[in-house]
Amino acid sequence: MNQTPDPSKCPLCGQSNQCGLANPATATQPCWCFTAEIAPEARERIPDEALNKACICPRCASGESPANP
């Protein structure tokens, strides 16, 4: 059974994804990712169970190596 991803954590590196929608204080505002360019290689690495459920972090979105937890 797959575990539901934490919407506040990047499914690629496990660090905070800075998701505006996952934070109740900013949930009515657009997330940073709505206007960001996401590297194609980053999109390909997102696990199926996290698609449309958790943002990746800005670092992973830019195609940089994931941060060390």
N, C-alpha and C. Protein backbone atom coordinates (compact mmCIF):
# COMPACT_ATOMS: atom_id res chain seq x y z
N MET A 1 0.84 -1.18 0.00
CA MET A 1 0.00 0.00 0.00
C MET A 1 0.88 1.24 0.00
N ASN A 2 0.59 2.20 -0.88
CA ASN A 2 1.37 3.44 -0.97
C ASN A 2 0.95 4.40 0.12
N GLN A 3 1.94 5.11 0.65
CA GLN A 3 1.67 6.10 1.68
C GLN A 3 1.39 7.44 1.00
N THR A 4 0.42 8.19 1.51
CA THR A 4 0.10 9.51 0.97
C THR A 4 1.28 10.44 1.22
N PRO A 5 1.75 11.16 0.19
CA PRO A 5 2.89 12.05 0.40
C PRO A 5 2.52 13.24 1.28
N ASP A 6 3.50 13.73 2.05
CA ASP A 6 3.32 14.91 2.88
C ASP A 6 3.30 16.11 1.93
N PRO A 7 2.20 16.88 1.88
CA PRO A 7 2.11 18.00 0.93
C PRO A 7 3.09 19.13 1.20
N SER A 8 3.73 19.13 2.38
CA SER A 8 4.69 20.19 2.69
C SER A 8 6.14 19.79 2.42
N LYS A 9 6.35 18.55 1.97
CA LYS A 9 7.71 18.04 1.72
C LYS A 9 7.90 17.72 0.24
N CYS A 10 9.09 17.98 -0.25
CA CYS A 10 9.44 17.64 -1.63
C CYS A 10 9.51 16.13 -1.77
N PRO A 11 8.78 15.54 -2.71
CA PRO A 11 8.83 14.09 -2.87
C PRO A 11 10.16 13.58 -3.46
N LEU A 12 11.02 14.50 -3.91
CA LEU A 12 12.31 14.10 -4.46
C LEU A 12 13.41 14.08 -3.42
N CYS A 13 13.44 15.10 -2.54
CA CYS A 13 14.53 15.17 -1.56
C CYS A 13 14.07 15.14 -0.11
N GLY A 14 12.77 15.30 0.14
CA GLY A 14 12.24 15.25 1.50
C GLY A 14 12.34 16.55 2.28
N GLN A 15 12.91 17.58 1.68
CA GLN A 15 13.02 18.88 2.35
C GLN A 15 11.72 19.66 2.18
N SER A 16 11.58 20.77 2.88
CA SER A 16 10.41 21.63 2.74
C SER A 16 10.28 22.07 1.29
N ASN A 17 9.07 22.00 0.76
CA ASN A 17 8.88 22.41 -0.63
C ASN A 17 8.40 23.85 -0.75
N GLN A 18 8.20 24.51 0.38
CA GLN A 18 7.76 25.91 0.42
C GLN A 18 6.44 26.10 -0.31
N CYS A 19 5.59 25.08 -0.29
CA CYS A 19 4.31 25.12 -0.99
C CYS A 19 3.36 26.10 -0.30
N GLY A 20 2.90 27.07 -1.06
CA GLY A 20 1.96 28.04 -0.52
C GLY A 20 0.61 27.44 -0.21
N LEU A 21 0.20 26.43 -0.96
CA LEU A 21 -1.10 25.81 -0.75
C LEU A 21 -1.11 24.88 0.45
N ALA A 22 0.04 24.33 0.81
CA ALA A 22 0.12 23.41 1.94
C ALA A 22 0.18 24.16 3.28
N ASN A 23 0.44 25.45 3.22
CA ASN A 23 0.54 26.27 4.43
C ASN A 23 -0.80 27.00 4.63
N PRO A 24 -1.52 26.74 5.71
CA PRO A 24 -2.81 27.39 5.92
C PRO A 24 -2.75 28.92 5.89
N ALA A 25 -1.62 29.51 6.27
CA ALA A 25 -1.48 30.97 6.28
C ALA A 25 -1.44 31.55 4.86
N THR A 26 -1.04 30.76 3.88
CA THR A 26 -0.93 31.27 2.51
C THR A 26 -1.74 30.47 1.51
N ALA A 27 -2.62 29.60 2.00
CA ALA A 27 -3.36 28.67 1.13
C ALA A 27 -4.29 29.35 0.13
N THR A 28 -4.63 30.61 0.34
CA THR A 28 -5.50 31.31 -0.60
C THR A 28 -4.71 32.03 -1.69
N GLN A 29 -3.39 31.96 -1.62
CA GLN A 29 -2.53 32.61 -2.60
C GLN A 29 -1.90 31.56 -3.52
N PRO A 30 -1.54 31.96 -4.73
CA PRO A 30 -0.88 31.00 -5.62
C PRO A 30 0.46 30.53 -5.06
N CYS A 31 0.79 29.29 -5.30
CA CYS A 31 2.07 28.73 -4.89
C CYS A 31 3.17 29.28 -5.80
N TRP A 32 4.40 29.29 -5.31
CA TRP A 32 5.54 29.75 -6.11
C TRP A 32 5.67 28.96 -7.41
N CYS A 33 5.26 27.70 -7.37
CA CYS A 33 5.44 26.83 -8.55
C CYS A 33 4.51 27.17 -9.70
N PHE A 34 3.46 27.96 -9.45
CA PHE A 34 2.51 28.29 -10.51
C PHE A 34 3.18 29.08 -11.63
N THR A 35 4.24 29.82 -11.31
CA THR A 35 4.91 30.64 -12.31
C THR A 35 6.36 30.20 -12.55
N ALA A 36 6.80 29.17 -11.87
CA ALA A 36 8.19 28.71 -12.00
C ALA A 36 8.35 27.79 -13.20
N GLU A 37 9.54 27.83 -13.78
CA GLU A 37 9.88 26.84 -14.81
C GLU A 37 10.43 25.62 -14.08
N ILE A 38 9.83 24.47 -14.35
CA ILE A 38 10.26 23.22 -13.72
C ILE A 38 11.10 22.45 -14.74
N ALA A 39 12.31 22.09 -14.34
CA ALA A 39 13.21 21.36 -15.23
C ALA A 39 12.56 20.04 -15.66
N PRO A 40 12.63 19.71 -16.95
CA PRO A 40 12.01 18.46 -17.42
C PRO A 40 12.53 17.23 -16.69
N GLU A 41 13.82 17.20 -16.36
CA GLU A 41 14.36 16.04 -15.65
C GLU A 41 13.79 15.93 -14.24
N ALA A 42 13.41 17.06 -13.64
CA ALA A 42 12.78 17.04 -12.32
C ALA A 42 11.37 16.46 -12.43
N ARG A 43 10.64 16.87 -13.44
CA ARG A 43 9.28 16.34 -13.65
C ARG A 43 9.30 14.82 -13.80
N GLU A 44 10.28 14.33 -14.53
CA GLU A 44 10.37 12.89 -14.78
C GLU A 44 10.65 12.09 -13.51
N ARG A 45 11.27 12.73 -12.50
CA ARG A 45 11.64 12.02 -11.28
C ARG A 45 10.53 12.00 -10.23
N ILE A 46 9.45 12.74 -10.44
CA ILE A 46 8.37 12.79 -9.45
C ILE A 46 7.65 11.43 -9.42
N PRO A 47 7.59 10.80 -8.25
CA PRO A 47 6.89 9.50 -8.15
C PRO A 47 5.40 9.65 -8.49
N ASP A 48 4.85 8.64 -9.14
CA ASP A 48 3.44 8.68 -9.54
C ASP A 48 2.52 9.01 -8.36
N GLU A 49 2.81 8.44 -7.19
CA GLU A 49 1.93 8.65 -6.04
C GLU A 49 1.98 10.09 -5.50
N ALA A 50 2.95 10.89 -5.94
CA ALA A 50 3.05 12.27 -5.48
C ALA A 50 2.53 13.27 -6.51
N LEU A 51 2.27 12.81 -7.73
CA LEU A 51 1.77 13.72 -8.77
C LEU A 51 0.48 14.39 -8.33
N ASN A 52 0.46 15.72 -8.43
CA ASN A 52 -0.70 16.53 -8.06
C ASN A 52 -1.07 16.43 -6.58
N LYS A 53 -0.12 15.97 -5.75
CA LYS A 53 -0.38 15.86 -4.31
C LYS A 53 0.67 16.57 -3.48
N ALA A 54 1.87 16.78 -4.03
CA ALA A 54 2.94 17.46 -3.31
C ALA A 54 3.86 18.17 -4.29
N CYS A 55 4.17 19.42 -3.99
CA CYS A 55 5.11 20.18 -4.82
C CYS A 55 6.53 19.67 -4.60
N ILE A 56 7.35 19.82 -5.64
CA ILE A 56 8.77 19.62 -5.42
C ILE A 56 9.33 20.95 -4.93
N CYS A 57 10.49 20.94 -4.33
CA CYS A 57 11.07 22.17 -3.79
C CYS A 57 11.72 22.99 -4.91
N PRO A 58 11.97 24.28 -4.67
CA PRO A 58 12.59 25.12 -5.70
C PRO A 58 13.93 24.57 -6.18
N ARG A 59 14.72 24.01 -5.28
CA ARG A 59 16.03 23.47 -5.66
C ARG A 59 15.87 22.31 -6.65
N CYS A 60 15.02 21.36 -6.32
CA CYS A 60 14.80 20.23 -7.23
C CYS A 60 14.13 20.70 -8.52
N ALA A 61 13.22 21.66 -8.42
CA ALA A 61 12.52 22.17 -9.60
C ALA A 61 13.49 22.79 -10.60
N SER A 62 14.57 23.38 -10.10
CA SER A 62 15.54 24.01 -10.99
C SER A 62 16.47 23.00 -11.64
N GLY A 63 16.39 21.75 -11.22
CA GLY A 63 17.22 20.71 -11.80
C GLY A 63 18.51 20.50 -11.04
N GLU A 64 18.70 21.23 -9.92
CA GLU A 64 19.89 21.03 -9.09
C GLU A 64 19.80 19.69 -8.37
N SER A 65 20.92 19.22 -7.92
CA SER A 65 20.94 17.99 -7.12
C SER A 65 20.15 18.23 -5.86
N PRO A 66 19.40 17.22 -5.41
CA PRO A 66 18.64 17.37 -4.17
C PRO A 66 19.55 17.71 -3.00
N ALA A 67 19.02 18.53 -2.09
CA ALA A 67 19.75 18.89 -0.88
C ALA A 67 19.90 17.66 0.01
N ASN A 68 20.94 17.60 0.77
CA ASN A 68 21.10 16.50 1.73
C ASN A 68 20.18 16.74 2.91
N PRO A 69 19.40 15.73 3.30
CA PRO A 69 18.48 15.90 4.44
C PRO A 69 19.20 16.11 5.74
